[in-house]
Amino acid sequence: MSALLAALLASAGAAPAMVVIDEAATVREEAPPHGRIGMSTAYRISDAVPAPRSFEFRKRALHVGAAIGVHAIGHDEIYYVLSGTGIVHSDGEEKALTAGTAAWLYKGAKVGIRQTGGEPLVLIIAYPNKVAGQ
């Protein structure tokens, strides 16, 4: 087998090349989604990944008094707290969150999160993304 044919066969099932993203290249100031309550710093990290991608990975700092309003989700979703304090809502139940805690929210729930305390609530938010053909 020629070297070219061997290389083509080997690359046929190869994964795409990795993508390394500097969050500073993705930052913008905006009102949070689902109600536009207050202001936030959004790091739309996964937007820098070429499509199709299988999930979203974002960082958001909810400024004092800000919230991601209650909304229905069509997938599981995770809020992981890096710093600050907040209250997460899921189908009428509310729980306090602090740095190092995560809320796993389930498909079909009505969810939201609001900042509490004197400093921004900084979160990592991850959820599956509908990929074309699935």
Protein backbone atom coordinates (compact mmCIF):
# COMPACT_ATOMS: atom_id res chain seq x y z
CA MET A 1 0.00 0.00 0.00
CA SER A 2 1.36 3.41 -0.90
CA ALA A 3 2.15 5.94 1.81
CA LEU A 4 -0.48 8.31 0.38
CA LEU A 5 -3.21 5.65 0.46
CA ALA A 6 -2.23 4.66 4.01
CA ALA A 7 -2.39 8.32 5.11
CA LEU A 8 -5.82 8.79 3.49
CA LEU A 9 -7.22 5.66 5.13
CA ALA A 10 -5.82 6.66 8.50
CA SER A 11 -7.31 10.17 8.31
CA ALA A 12 -10.76 9.00 7.14
CA GLY A 13 -11.90 8.37 10.73
CA ALA A 14 -9.77 11.01 12.38
CA ALA A 15 -11.29 13.51 14.78
CA PRO A 16 -11.14 17.19 13.91
CA ALA A 17 -8.14 19.11 15.19
CA MET A 18 -8.51 20.48 18.71
CA VAL A 19 -9.50 24.10 19.23
CA VAL A 20 -7.90 26.25 21.93
CA ILE A 21 -9.86 29.36 22.88
CA ASP A 22 -8.81 32.36 24.96
CA GLU A 23 -11.92 33.51 26.83
CA ALA A 24 -10.76 37.13 26.41
CA ALA A 25 -11.49 36.82 22.69
CA THR A 26 -15.13 35.88 23.41
CA VAL A 27 -16.13 38.44 26.05
CA ARG A 28 -18.96 40.95 25.76
CA GLU A 29 -21.16 42.96 28.09
CA GLU A 30 -24.86 42.20 27.69
CA ALA A 31 -28.12 41.72 29.51
CA PRO A 32 -28.54 38.08 30.55
CA PRO A 33 -30.86 35.89 28.48
CA HIS A 34 -34.44 35.04 29.38
CA GLY A 35 -35.73 38.33 30.73
CA ARG A 36 -32.79 40.70 30.33
CA ILE A 37 -32.65 41.28 34.12
CA GLY A 38 -29.63 43.48 34.91
CA MET A 39 -26.29 43.18 33.16
CA SER A 40 -23.67 40.49 32.76
CA THR A 41 -20.29 39.76 31.29
CA ALA A 42 -20.68 36.90 28.82
CA TYR A 43 -17.84 34.66 27.66
CA ARG A 44 -19.36 32.84 24.68
CA ILE A 45 -16.49 30.35 24.55
CA SER A 46 -18.10 27.63 22.43
CA ASP A 47 -19.13 30.19 19.78
CA ALA A 48 -15.46 30.15 18.71
CA VAL A 49 -15.65 26.42 17.90
CA PRO A 50 -16.48 25.55 14.29
CA ALA A 51 -19.88 23.97 13.67
CA PRO A 52 -21.12 21.42 14.16
CA ARG A 53 -20.36 21.14 17.86
CA SER A 54 -22.10 18.77 20.24
CA PHE A 55 -22.41 21.03 23.30
CA GLU A 56 -22.23 24.60 24.54
CA PHE A 57 -19.69 25.77 27.11
CA ARG A 58 -20.03 29.29 28.41
CA LYS A 59 -18.93 31.47 31.30
CA ARG A 60 -21.14 34.29 32.55
CA ALA A 61 -20.69 36.81 35.35
CA LEU A 62 -24.08 38.03 36.55
CA HIS A 63 -23.54 41.54 37.89
CA VAL A 64 -25.11 42.57 41.20
CA GLY A 65 -28.90 42.26 40.88
CA ALA A 66 -28.81 40.36 37.57
CA ALA A 67 -30.57 37.10 36.70
CA ILE A 68 -31.09 34.58 33.95
CA GLY A 69 -34.87 34.54 33.99
CA VAL A 70 -36.95 31.42 34.43
CA HIS A 71 -37.30 29.54 31.16
CA ALA A 72 -38.09 26.00 29.99
CA ILE A 73 -35.13 23.89 28.87
CA GLY A 74 -35.19 21.17 26.22
CA HIS A 75 -31.99 19.48 27.45
CA ASP A 76 -30.09 18.87 30.65
CA GLU A 77 -28.04 21.90 31.72
CA ILE A 78 -25.36 22.50 34.34
CA TYR A 79 -24.62 25.73 36.22
CA TYR A 80 -21.25 25.54 38.03
CA VAL A 81 -20.37 28.43 40.36
CA LEU A 82 -16.81 29.77 40.19
CA SER A 83 -17.39 32.69 42.60
CA GLY A 84 -20.12 34.72 44.22
CA THR A 85 -23.50 33.58 45.49
CA GLY A 86 -26.85 32.97 43.89
CA ILE A 87 -30.20 31.24 43.97
CA VAL A 88 -31.04 28.63 41.34
CA HIS A 89 -34.66 27.91 40.45
CA SER A 90 -36.06 24.68 38.98
CA ASP A 91 -39.80 24.04 38.71
CA GLY A 92 -40.65 26.17 41.74
CA GLU A 93 -37.87 24.85 43.98
CA GLU A 94 -35.01 27.20 44.91
CA LYS A 95 -31.56 26.42 46.32
CA ALA A 96 -28.62 28.60 47.33
CA LEU A 97 -25.38 28.23 45.37
CA THR A 98 -21.85 29.26 46.34
CA ALA A 99 -18.39 28.81 44.82
CA GLY A 100 -17.68 25.16 44.07
CA THR A 101 -21.32 24.09 43.83
CA ALA A 102 -23.14 22.90 40.74
CA ALA A 103 -26.81 22.69 39.82
CA TRP A 104 -27.73 19.89 37.40
CA LEU A 105 -30.98 20.90 35.76
CA TYR A 106 -33.11 18.45 33.80
CA LYS A 107 -34.77 18.53 30.40
CA GLY A 108 -38.34 19.81 30.64
CA ALA A 109 -37.82 21.90 33.79
CA LYS A 110 -38.41 25.63 34.07
CA VAL A 111 -35.11 27.00 35.36
CA GLY A 112 -33.33 30.25 36.15
CA ILE A 113 -30.63 31.70 38.38
CA ARG A 114 -30.19 35.04 40.12
CA GLN A 115 -27.20 36.73 41.67
CA THR A 116 -27.26 37.47 45.42
CA GLY A 117 -24.70 39.18 47.64
CA GLY A 118 -22.25 41.98 46.99
CA GLU A 119 -20.11 40.52 44.19
CA PRO A 120 -20.89 39.11 40.74
CA LEU A 121 -22.05 35.51 40.43
CA VAL A 122 -19.59 33.85 38.02
CA LEU A 123 -20.83 30.65 36.38
CA ILE A 124 -19.81 28.02 33.89
CA ILE A 125 -22.86 26.91 31.93
CA ALA A 126 -22.80 23.74 29.84
CA TYR A 127 -25.51 21.97 27.86
CA PRO A 128 -25.84 19.75 24.79
CA ASN A 129 -26.25 21.40 21.44
CA LYS A 130 -28.49 19.97 18.77
CA VAL A 131 -26.14 18.83 16.00
CA ALA A 132 -27.36 18.77 12.41
CA GLY A 133 -28.54 15.30 11.47
CA GLN A 134 -29.36 14.19 15.02
